[in-house]
N, C-alpha and C. Protein backbone atom coordinates (compact mmCIF):
# COMPACT_ATOMS: atom_id res chain seq x y z
N MET A 1 -73.01 115.13 -11.69
CA MET A 1 -73.16 113.91 -10.83
C MET A 1 -72.18 112.78 -11.38
N ARG A 2 -72.46 112.55 -12.75
CA ARG A 2 -71.64 111.34 -13.06
C ARG A 2 -69.99 111.81 -13.18
N GLU A 3 -69.65 112.85 -13.49
CA GLU A 3 -68.25 113.49 -13.60
C GLU A 3 -67.57 113.31 -12.02
N ARG A 4 -68.34 113.65 -11.16
CA ARG A 4 -67.88 113.59 -9.86
C ARG A 4 -67.58 112.20 -9.71
N LEU A 5 -68.65 111.51 -9.77
CA LEU A 5 -68.26 110.09 -9.62
C LEU A 5 -67.15 109.47 -10.34
N LEU A 6 -66.67 109.67 -11.43
CA LEU A 6 -65.78 109.32 -12.38
C LEU A 6 -64.32 109.87 -11.79
N ASP A 7 -64.52 110.90 -11.17
CA ASP A 7 -63.28 111.57 -10.69
C ASP A 7 -62.85 110.83 -9.38
N LEU A 8 -64.31 110.61 -8.36
CA LEU A 8 -63.84 109.80 -7.49
C LEU A 8 -63.19 108.40 -7.52
N VAL A 9 -63.79 107.66 -8.54
CA VAL A 9 -63.51 106.29 -8.98
C VAL A 9 -61.70 106.70 -9.59
N ARG A 10 -61.55 107.74 -10.25
CA ARG A 10 -59.89 107.83 -10.55
C ARG A 10 -59.16 108.12 -9.38
N ALA A 11 -59.61 108.81 -8.39
CA ALA A 11 -58.65 109.03 -7.45
C ALA A 11 -58.57 107.76 -6.57
N ARG A 12 -59.55 106.92 -6.50
CA ARG A 12 -59.68 105.93 -5.78
C ARG A 12 -58.48 104.78 -6.33
N LEU A 13 -58.48 104.87 -7.87
CA LEU A 13 -57.67 104.03 -8.36
C LEU A 13 -55.90 104.40 -8.52
N GLU A 14 -55.89 105.66 -8.28
CA GLU A 14 -54.67 106.01 -8.09
C GLU A 14 -54.14 105.90 -6.62
N HIS A 15 -55.21 105.71 -5.71
CA HIS A 15 -54.83 105.63 -4.41
C HIS A 15 -54.47 103.81 -4.12
N LEU A 16 -55.23 103.08 -4.85
CA LEU A 16 -54.99 101.91 -5.00
C LEU A 16 -53.60 101.34 -5.73
N VAL A 17 -53.29 101.96 -6.72
CA VAL A 17 -51.96 101.71 -7.54
C VAL A 17 -50.78 102.05 -6.59
N GLY A 18 -51.27 103.33 -5.86
CA GLY A 18 -49.96 103.78 -5.08
C GLY A 18 -49.81 102.95 -3.76
N ARG A 19 -50.95 102.19 -3.31
CA ARG A 19 -50.72 101.37 -2.11
C ARG A 19 -50.32 100.13 -2.38
N LEU A 20 -50.62 99.70 -3.59
CA LEU A 20 -50.54 98.28 -3.94
C LEU A 20 -49.38 98.03 -4.97
N GLY A 21 -48.64 99.06 -5.08
CA GLY A 21 -47.75 98.98 -6.31
C GLY A 21 -48.33 98.35 -7.60
N ARG A 22 -47.72 97.44 -8.20
CA ARG A 22 -48.12 97.01 -9.46
C ARG A 22 -48.67 95.68 -9.38
N ARG A 23 -49.51 95.23 -8.54
CA ARG A 23 -50.44 94.16 -8.11
C ARG A 23 -51.38 94.27 -9.59
N ARG A 24 -51.60 93.21 -10.09
CA ARG A 24 -52.68 93.09 -11.19
C ARG A 24 -53.90 93.24 -10.61
N PRO A 25 -54.64 93.99 -11.46
CA PRO A 25 -56.15 94.25 -11.05
C PRO A 25 -57.08 93.03 -11.13
N VAL A 26 -56.66 91.98 -11.99
CA VAL A 26 -57.45 90.83 -11.85
C VAL A 26 -57.13 89.91 -10.24
N ASP A 27 -55.91 90.31 -9.99
CA ASP A 27 -55.51 89.42 -8.70
C ASP A 27 -56.20 90.48 -7.32
N LEU A 28 -56.47 91.68 -7.79
CA LEU A 28 -57.33 92.50 -6.58
C LEU A 28 -58.60 91.89 -6.62
N VAL A 29 -59.14 91.74 -7.71
CA VAL A 29 -60.67 91.51 -7.51
C VAL A 29 -60.73 89.71 -7.20
N ARG A 30 -59.84 89.16 -7.58
CA ARG A 30 -60.10 87.83 -7.32
C ARG A 30 -59.92 87.64 -5.37
N ALA A 31 -58.98 88.39 -5.29
CA ALA A 31 -58.66 88.61 -3.59
C ALA A 31 -60.26 89.00 -2.93
N ARG A 32 -60.90 89.97 -3.59
CA ARG A 32 -61.93 90.43 -2.96
C ARG A 32 -63.10 89.08 -3.11
N LEU A 33 -63.09 88.49 -4.05
CA LEU A 33 -64.29 87.53 -4.35
C LEU A 33 -63.93 86.50 -3.25
N GLU A 34 -62.46 86.21 -2.96
CA GLU A 34 -62.04 85.09 -1.99
C GLU A 34 -62.63 85.60 -0.73
N ARG A 35 -62.37 86.90 -0.26
CA ARG A 35 -62.70 87.46 0.78
C ARG A 35 -64.15 87.13 1.16
N PHE A 36 -64.95 87.56 0.20
CA PHE A 36 -66.60 87.46 0.27
C PHE A 36 -66.69 85.83 0.59
N ALA A 37 -66.02 85.00 -0.39
CA ALA A 37 -66.39 83.63 -0.16
C ALA A 37 -66.28 83.20 1.38
N ALA A 38 -65.26 83.74 2.05
CA ALA A 38 -64.74 83.43 3.35
C ALA A 38 -65.87 83.83 4.31
N ASP A 39 -66.01 85.11 4.41
CA ASP A 39 -66.70 86.11 5.17
C ASP A 39 -68.30 86.50 5.06
N GLN A 40 -68.57 86.07 3.73
CA GLN A 40 -69.94 86.31 3.45
C GLN A 40 -70.54 88.02 3.69
N ASP A 41 -69.59 88.65 3.87
CA ASP A 41 -70.07 89.89 4.19
C ASP A 41 -69.84 91.01 2.86
N PRO A 42 -71.18 91.48 2.58
CA PRO A 42 -71.46 91.84 1.70
C PRO A 42 -70.73 93.39 1.16
N ALA A 43 -70.12 93.97 2.26
CA ALA A 43 -69.35 95.19 2.09
C ALA A 43 -67.82 94.65 1.25
N SER A 44 -67.59 93.46 1.29
CA SER A 44 -66.64 92.97 0.20
C SER A 44 -66.66 93.23 -0.96
N VAL A 45 -67.75 93.33 -1.52
CA VAL A 45 -67.83 93.44 -2.86
C VAL A 45 -68.90 94.49 -3.25
N LEU A 46 -69.31 95.37 -2.22
CA LEU A 46 -70.10 96.50 -2.51
C LEU A 46 -69.29 97.67 -2.13
N ASP A 47 -68.42 97.82 -1.22
CA ASP A 47 -67.49 99.29 -1.23
C ASP A 47 -67.01 99.62 -2.24
N PRO A 48 -66.41 101.14 -2.28
CA PRO A 48 -66.06 101.84 -3.46
C PRO A 48 -64.90 101.54 -3.76
N GLU A 49 -64.07 100.86 -3.11
CA GLU A 49 -62.85 100.10 -3.52
C GLU A 49 -63.15 98.79 -4.46
N ALA A 50 -64.05 98.04 -4.12
CA ALA A 50 -64.51 97.22 -5.09
C ALA A 50 -64.73 97.66 -6.51
N THR A 51 -65.69 98.89 -6.40
CA THR A 51 -65.82 99.39 -7.61
C THR A 51 -64.85 99.90 -8.52
N ALA A 52 -63.60 100.36 -7.50
CA ALA A 52 -62.63 101.09 -8.23
C ALA A 52 -61.60 99.85 -8.84
N GLU A 53 -61.46 98.92 -8.34
CA GLU A 53 -60.93 97.72 -8.55
C GLU A 53 -61.40 97.10 -9.88
N LEU A 54 -62.84 96.95 -10.07
CA LEU A 54 -63.54 96.28 -10.91
C LEU A 54 -63.35 97.34 -12.29
N ALA A 55 -63.41 98.73 -11.95
CA ALA A 55 -62.92 99.61 -13.32
C ALA A 55 -61.73 99.32 -13.59
N ALA A 56 -60.66 99.06 -12.62
CA ALA A 56 -59.34 98.83 -13.04
C ALA A 56 -59.02 97.61 -13.93
N LEU A 57 -59.94 96.44 -13.56
CA LEU A 57 -59.66 95.39 -14.19
C LEU A 57 -60.51 95.39 -15.58
N LEU A 58 -61.71 96.14 -15.66
CA LEU A 58 -62.23 95.97 -16.99
C LEU A 58 -61.53 97.00 -18.08
N GLY A 59 -60.78 98.06 -17.26
CA GLY A 59 -60.06 99.15 -18.15
C GLY A 59 -58.60 98.50 -18.61
N SER A 60 -58.39 97.29 -17.95
CA SER A 60 -56.94 96.68 -18.43
C SER A 60 -56.75 96.09 -19.39
N VAL A 61 -57.85 95.98 -20.39
CA VAL A 61 -57.80 95.19 -21.84
C VAL A 61 -58.87 96.13 -22.56
N PRO A 62 -58.40 96.05 -23.83
CA PRO A 62 -59.44 96.59 -24.78
C PRO A 62 -60.74 96.04 -24.70
N ASP A 63 -61.07 94.85 -24.71
CA ASP A 63 -62.25 94.22 -24.92
C ASP A 63 -62.49 92.91 -23.78
N PRO A 64 -63.09 93.30 -22.68
CA PRO A 64 -62.88 92.33 -21.54
C PRO A 64 -63.67 90.85 -21.92
N ALA A 65 -64.54 90.96 -23.10
CA ALA A 65 -65.10 90.00 -23.33
C ALA A 65 -64.02 89.02 -24.18
N ALA A 66 -63.17 89.58 -24.75
CA ALA A 66 -62.36 88.81 -25.62
C ALA A 66 -61.21 88.32 -24.66
N ASP A 67 -61.00 88.58 -23.13
CA ASP A 67 -60.13 87.98 -22.63
C ASP A 67 -61.00 86.85 -21.57
N LEU A 68 -60.83 86.09 -21.67
CA LEU A 68 -61.72 85.08 -20.84
C LEU A 68 -61.31 85.25 -19.18
N GLU A 69 -60.40 85.57 -19.09
CA GLU A 69 -59.91 85.51 -17.50
C GLU A 69 -60.29 86.73 -17.01
N ILE A 70 -60.44 87.83 -17.73
CA ILE A 70 -61.19 89.17 -17.17
C ILE A 70 -62.35 89.06 -17.05
N ALA A 71 -63.10 88.37 -18.26
CA ALA A 71 -64.63 88.09 -18.37
C ALA A 71 -65.02 87.38 -17.28
N TYR A 72 -64.26 86.14 -16.97
CA TYR A 72 -64.65 85.41 -15.74
C TYR A 72 -64.72 86.03 -14.32
N VAL A 73 -63.62 86.64 -13.98
CA VAL A 73 -63.68 87.27 -12.75
C VAL A 73 -64.40 88.33 -12.70
N ALA A 74 -64.62 89.66 -13.47
CA ALA A 74 -65.45 90.51 -13.55
C ALA A 74 -66.79 89.93 -13.58
N GLY A 75 -67.02 88.99 -14.13
CA GLY A 75 -68.58 88.57 -14.20
C GLY A 75 -68.71 88.15 -12.92
N TRP A 76 -68.00 87.39 -12.21
CA TRP A 76 -68.08 86.86 -10.88
C TRP A 76 -68.39 87.97 -9.89
N LEU A 77 -67.68 88.59 -9.98
CA LEU A 77 -67.93 90.07 -9.20
C LEU A 77 -69.32 90.84 -9.21
N HIS A 78 -69.49 90.89 -10.67
CA HIS A 78 -71.03 91.62 -10.88
C HIS A 78 -71.94 90.49 -10.26
N TRP A 79 -71.87 89.36 -10.54
CA TRP A 79 -72.77 88.23 -10.31
C TRP A 79 -72.85 88.31 -8.49
N THR A 80 -71.62 88.12 -7.92
CA THR A 80 -71.88 88.65 -6.51
C THR A 80 -72.62 89.67 -6.07
N ARG A 81 -72.22 90.70 -6.90
CA ARG A 81 -73.02 92.04 -6.19
C ARG A 81 -74.61 92.00 -6.45
N TYR A 82 -74.73 91.42 -7.49
CA TYR A 82 -76.07 91.04 -7.86
C TYR A 82 -76.88 90.45 -6.84
N GLN A 83 -76.24 89.34 -6.35
CA GLN A 83 -76.79 88.45 -5.33
C GLN A 83 -76.96 89.22 -3.89
N VAL A 84 -76.34 90.21 -3.65
CA VAL A 84 -76.41 90.82 -2.45
C VAL A 84 -77.24 91.92 -2.25
N LEU A 85 -77.35 92.78 -3.48
CA LEU A 85 -77.71 94.15 -3.79
C LEU A 85 -79.63 93.75 -3.48
N PRO A 86 -79.96 94.89 -2.91
CA PRO A 86 -81.32 94.90 -3.05
C PRO A 86 -82.19 94.76 -3.87
N ALA A 87 -82.97 94.28 -4.21
CA ALA A 87 -83.88 94.27 -5.41
C ALA A 87 -84.21 95.47 -5.87
N GLY A 88 -84.11 95.89 -7.04
CA GLY A 88 -84.57 97.25 -7.77
C GLY A 88 -83.00 97.77 -8.09
N GLU A 89 -81.76 97.55 -7.14
CA GLU A 89 -80.72 97.97 -7.32
C GLU A 89 -79.74 97.39 -7.96
N ASP A 90 -80.01 96.00 -8.26
CA ASP A 90 -79.35 94.90 -8.76
C ASP A 90 -79.24 94.69 -10.24
N GLN A 91 -80.01 95.32 -11.06
CA GLN A 91 -80.18 95.13 -12.39
C GLN A 91 -79.21 95.28 -13.36
N GLU A 92 -78.17 96.24 -13.11
CA GLU A 92 -77.05 96.88 -13.68
C GLU A 92 -75.90 95.73 -13.44
N ASP A 93 -75.71 95.27 -12.43
CA ASP A 93 -75.06 94.34 -12.24
C ASP A 93 -75.16 92.91 -12.69
N LEU A 94 -76.68 92.55 -12.77
CA LEU A 94 -77.08 91.35 -13.47
C LEU A 94 -76.67 91.25 -14.83
N THR A 95 -76.97 92.34 -15.75
CA THR A 95 -76.78 92.81 -17.24
C THR A 95 -75.48 92.72 -17.21
N ALA A 96 -74.42 93.29 -16.33
CA ALA A 96 -73.09 93.21 -16.65
C ALA A 96 -72.51 91.72 -16.45
N ALA A 97 -72.94 91.14 -15.32
CA ALA A 97 -72.66 89.55 -15.21
C ALA A 97 -73.10 88.80 -16.59
N LEU A 98 -74.47 88.90 -16.99
CA LEU A 98 -74.69 88.16 -18.11
C LEU A 98 -73.83 88.60 -19.30
N THR A 99 -73.55 89.77 -19.64
CA THR A 99 -72.66 90.31 -20.71
C THR A 99 -71.34 89.51 -20.74
N LEU A 100 -70.61 89.65 -19.48
CA LEU A 100 -69.33 89.06 -19.24
C LEU A 100 -69.21 87.65 -19.39
N PHE A 101 -70.45 86.81 -18.81
CA PHE A 101 -70.18 85.58 -18.65
C PHE A 101 -70.63 84.82 -19.98
N GLU A 102 -71.14 85.55 -20.80
CA GLU A 102 -71.37 85.09 -22.16
C GLU A 102 -70.45 84.50 -23.15
N PRO A 103 -69.23 85.05 -23.10
CA PRO A 103 -68.30 84.46 -23.70
C PRO A 103 -67.18 83.09 -23.05
N VAL A 104 -67.57 83.41 -21.38
CA VAL A 104 -67.05 82.26 -20.68
C VAL A 104 -67.74 81.00 -20.90
N TYR A 105 -69.09 81.49 -20.97
CA TYR A 105 -70.22 80.04 -21.24
C TYR A 105 -69.96 79.45 -22.67
N GLN A 106 -69.42 80.01 -23.59
CA GLN A 106 -69.40 79.47 -24.89
C GLN A 106 -68.01 78.98 -24.89
N ALA A 107 -67.15 78.94 -24.13
CA ALA A 107 -65.73 78.27 -24.20
C ALA A 107 -65.98 77.42 -23.28
N PHE A 108 -66.32 77.48 -21.82
CA PHE A 108 -66.32 76.69 -20.81
C PHE A 108 -67.79 76.83 -19.97
N PRO A 109 -68.80 76.21 -20.42
CA PRO A 109 -70.31 76.37 -19.72
C PRO A 109 -70.28 76.12 -18.31
N ASP A 110 -69.30 75.24 -18.00
CA ASP A 110 -69.50 74.74 -16.41
C ASP A 110 -68.49 76.03 -15.57
N HIS A 111 -68.18 77.02 -16.15
CA HIS A 111 -67.47 77.84 -15.23
C HIS A 111 -68.45 78.95 -14.93
N VAL A 112 -69.28 79.01 -15.35
CA VAL A 112 -70.44 80.21 -14.88
C VAL A 112 -71.33 79.59 -13.67
N PRO A 113 -71.92 80.47 -12.98
CA PRO A 113 -72.94 80.29 -11.85
C PRO A 113 -74.18 79.46 -12.63
N GLU A 114 -74.52 78.56 -11.89
CA GLU A 114 -75.54 77.49 -12.18
C GLU A 114 -76.70 78.22 -13.06
N GLN A 115 -77.28 79.21 -12.51
CA GLN A 115 -78.46 79.95 -12.87
C GLN A 115 -78.31 80.86 -14.16
N VAL A 116 -76.80 81.28 -14.52
CA VAL A 116 -76.66 81.60 -15.66
C VAL A 116 -76.29 80.84 -16.61
N ARG A 117 -75.96 79.61 -16.15
CA ARG A 117 -75.80 78.58 -17.44
C ARG A 117 -77.21 78.33 -17.80
N ALA A 118 -78.28 78.06 -16.89
CA ALA A 118 -79.63 77.79 -17.46
C ALA A 118 -80.11 78.77 -18.42
N ILE A 119 -79.92 80.03 -18.10
CA ILE A 119 -80.19 81.11 -18.96
C ILE A 119 -79.68 80.96 -20.23
N PHE A 120 -78.25 80.81 -20.28
CA PHE A 120 -77.62 80.66 -21.63
C PHE A 120 -77.94 79.15 -22.35
N ASP A 121 -78.27 78.17 -21.55
CA ASP A 121 -78.97 76.92 -22.09
C ASP A 121 -80.33 77.19 -22.82
N GLU A 122 -80.78 77.98 -22.02
CA GLU A 122 -82.22 78.06 -22.76
C GLU A 122 -82.28 79.00 -24.06
N GLN A 123 -81.38 80.11 -23.78
CA GLN A 123 -81.29 80.99 -24.66
C GLN A 123 -80.61 80.31 -26.20
N ARG A 124 -79.80 79.14 -26.03
CA ARG A 124 -79.24 78.24 -27.10
C ARG A 124 -80.06 77.51 -27.93
N HIS A 125 -81.13 77.18 -26.83
CA HIS A 125 -82.33 76.28 -27.65
C HIS A 125 -83.52 77.23 -28.14
N GLY A 126 -83.30 78.46 -28.43
CA GLY A 126 -84.30 79.29 -29.45
C GLY A 126 -84.91 80.25 -28.47
N ALA A 127 -84.51 80.16 -27.15
CA ALA A 127 -85.34 81.37 -26.02
C ALA A 127 -84.83 82.65 -26.51
N ALA A 128 -85.73 83.46 -25.82
CA ALA A 128 -85.49 84.95 -25.96
C ALA A 128 -84.14 85.26 -25.31
N GLY A 129 -83.59 86.42 -25.36
CA GLY A 129 -82.37 87.28 -24.56
C GLY A 129 -82.35 86.75 -23.05
N PRO A 130 -81.23 86.80 -22.56
CA PRO A 130 -80.89 86.44 -21.16
C PRO A 130 -81.95 86.93 -20.19
N LEU A 131 -82.54 88.44 -20.12
CA LEU A 131 -83.17 88.92 -19.25
C LEU A 131 -84.51 88.21 -19.47
N THR A 132 -85.00 88.09 -20.58
CA THR A 132 -86.50 87.64 -20.63
C THR A 132 -86.30 86.13 -20.37
N THR A 133 -85.51 85.45 -20.55
CA THR A 133 -85.31 84.19 -20.17
C THR A 133 -85.23 84.15 -18.51
N LEU A 134 -84.53 84.83 -17.98
CA LEU A 134 -84.28 84.71 -16.69
C LEU A 134 -86.08 84.90 -15.87
N ASN A 135 -86.43 86.14 -16.58
CA ASN A 135 -87.99 86.07 -16.08
C ASN A 135 -88.83 85.09 -16.37
N ASP A 136 -88.81 84.38 -17.35
CA ASP A 136 -89.41 83.33 -17.82
C ASP A 136 -89.17 82.07 -16.81
N ARG A 137 -87.98 81.97 -16.57
CA ARG A 137 -87.81 80.96 -15.74
C ARG A 137 -87.99 81.16 -14.53
N ALA A 138 -88.10 82.18 -13.69
CA ALA A 138 -88.61 82.68 -12.48
C ALA A 138 -90.33 82.59 -12.48
N VAL A 139 -90.99 82.83 -13.44
CA VAL A 139 -92.36 82.49 -13.44
C VAL A 139 -92.57 81.11 -13.47
N ASP A 140 -91.96 80.35 -14.09
CA ASP A 140 -91.88 78.72 -14.43
C ASP A 140 -91.91 78.19 -12.78
N LEU A 141 -90.91 78.63 -12.29
CA LEU A 141 -90.32 78.20 -10.72
C LEU A 141 -91.29 78.53 -9.74
N LEU A 142 -91.97 80.01 -9.99
CA LEU A 142 -93.16 80.26 -8.97
C LEU A 142 -94.45 79.56 -8.99
N ARG A 143 -94.67 78.94 -10.57
CA ARG A 143 -95.78 78.10 -10.43
C ARG A 143 -95.78 76.52 -9.70
N GLU A 144 -94.56 76.13 -9.83
CA GLU A 144 -94.30 74.69 -9.62
C GLU A 144 -94.51 74.50 -7.81
N PRO A 145 -94.47 75.35 -6.90
CA PRO A 145 -94.78 75.31 -5.66
C PRO A 145 -96.14 75.48 -5.74
N LEU A 146 -96.97 76.10 -6.42
CA LEU A 146 -98.35 75.95 -6.45
C LEU A 146 -98.87 74.66 -6.80
N ARG A 147 -98.03 74.12 -7.98
CA ARG A 147 -98.64 72.80 -8.33
C ARG A 147 -98.28 71.61 -7.54
N THR A 148 -96.78 71.70 -6.87
CA THR A 148 -96.28 70.56 -6.14
C THR A 148 -96.43 70.67 -4.51
N GLY A 149 -96.12 71.98 -4.36
CA GLY A 149 -95.80 72.12 -2.95
C GLY A 149 -94.52 72.39 -2.52
N ASP A 150 -93.63 72.09 -3.46
CA ASP A 150 -92.03 72.08 -3.25
C ASP A 150 -91.52 73.63 -3.04
N ARG A 151 -90.82 73.67 -1.89
CA ARG A 151 -90.60 75.35 -1.54
C ARG A 151 -89.14 75.46 -2.23
N THR A 152 -88.48 74.40 -2.66
CA THR A 152 -87.18 74.65 -3.21
C THR A 152 -87.15 75.57 -4.43
N ALA A 153 -88.21 75.13 -5.47
CA ALA A 153 -88.57 75.96 -6.29
C ALA A 153 -88.92 77.40 -6.07
N LEU A 154 -89.55 77.60 -5.18
CA LEU A 154 -89.99 79.08 -4.96
C LEU A 154 -88.73 79.71 -4.08
N ASN A 155 -88.11 79.09 -3.39
CA ASN A 155 -86.78 79.93 -3.15
C ASN A 155 -85.60 80.00 -4.32
N ASP A 156 -85.69 79.31 -5.43
CA ASP A 156 -85.14 79.44 -6.64
C ASP A 156 -85.57 80.72 -7.40
N ALA A 157 -86.91 80.89 -7.29
CA ALA A 157 -87.37 81.67 -8.11
C ALA A 157 -87.06 83.14 -7.66
N ILE A 158 -87.01 83.09 -6.36
CA ILE A 158 -86.96 84.27 -5.57
C ILE A 158 -85.43 84.86 -5.64
N ASP A 159 -84.46 83.89 -5.84
CA ASP A 159 -82.91 84.47 -6.16
C ASP A 159 -82.97 84.69 -7.63
N LEU A 160 -83.66 84.20 -8.44
CA LEU A 160 -83.60 84.58 -9.70
C LEU A 160 -84.30 86.22 -10.04
N LEU A 161 -85.30 86.49 -8.93
CA LEU A 161 -85.98 87.74 -9.37
C LEU A 161 -85.01 88.81 -8.36
N ARG A 162 -84.09 88.51 -7.54
CA ARG A 162 -83.67 89.42 -6.70
C ARG A 162 -82.85 90.46 -7.56
C-alpha cells in the first residue's frame, strides 16, 4: 500500500515538473496557500497535488528545518491541512506543522500561527512537549467558559482539539 502511494506521488511529481517546468517547489506551495487564503476551499490544500508539491518542497533540501523558508512554507501547509481535516485525521499534519515551525519560532516567533506560538511559549517556560502543551491548553480553555460563560474560549479550545 505504502509503495503504491509512493509510486503515485512520484508519478504526480513527474507530471508537475513536466507541466510547470522549473518552477520552484516553494513557489508552488506558496501559490497553493494563497489560493486557499482567497477561496477557503479545503481542496486547495487537501488534493493529491498538494501532497505531491509538499513532498517536492521537503525533498528539495537535505534538512527542511535548517532552511527557514522551506520550514515556514511547509509548516503553513501542514497547519492549514490540520485546520481543515476532520478530527482524528489531522494529527499527522499537526505534528509535522509543529516540527517545521519550531526552528521558525526560534528565529522569528511572530511568523508562526498564534496557537503554535502559545504552545512554544509555554514549552519555553518549562512545560511539556508541544502536543501535551496543546492538550493542556485546550483543557484550560474548556474550563474557562464553565467559570465565566465566555464562549470565545470554548471556540478556541475546539480549534485546538481539531
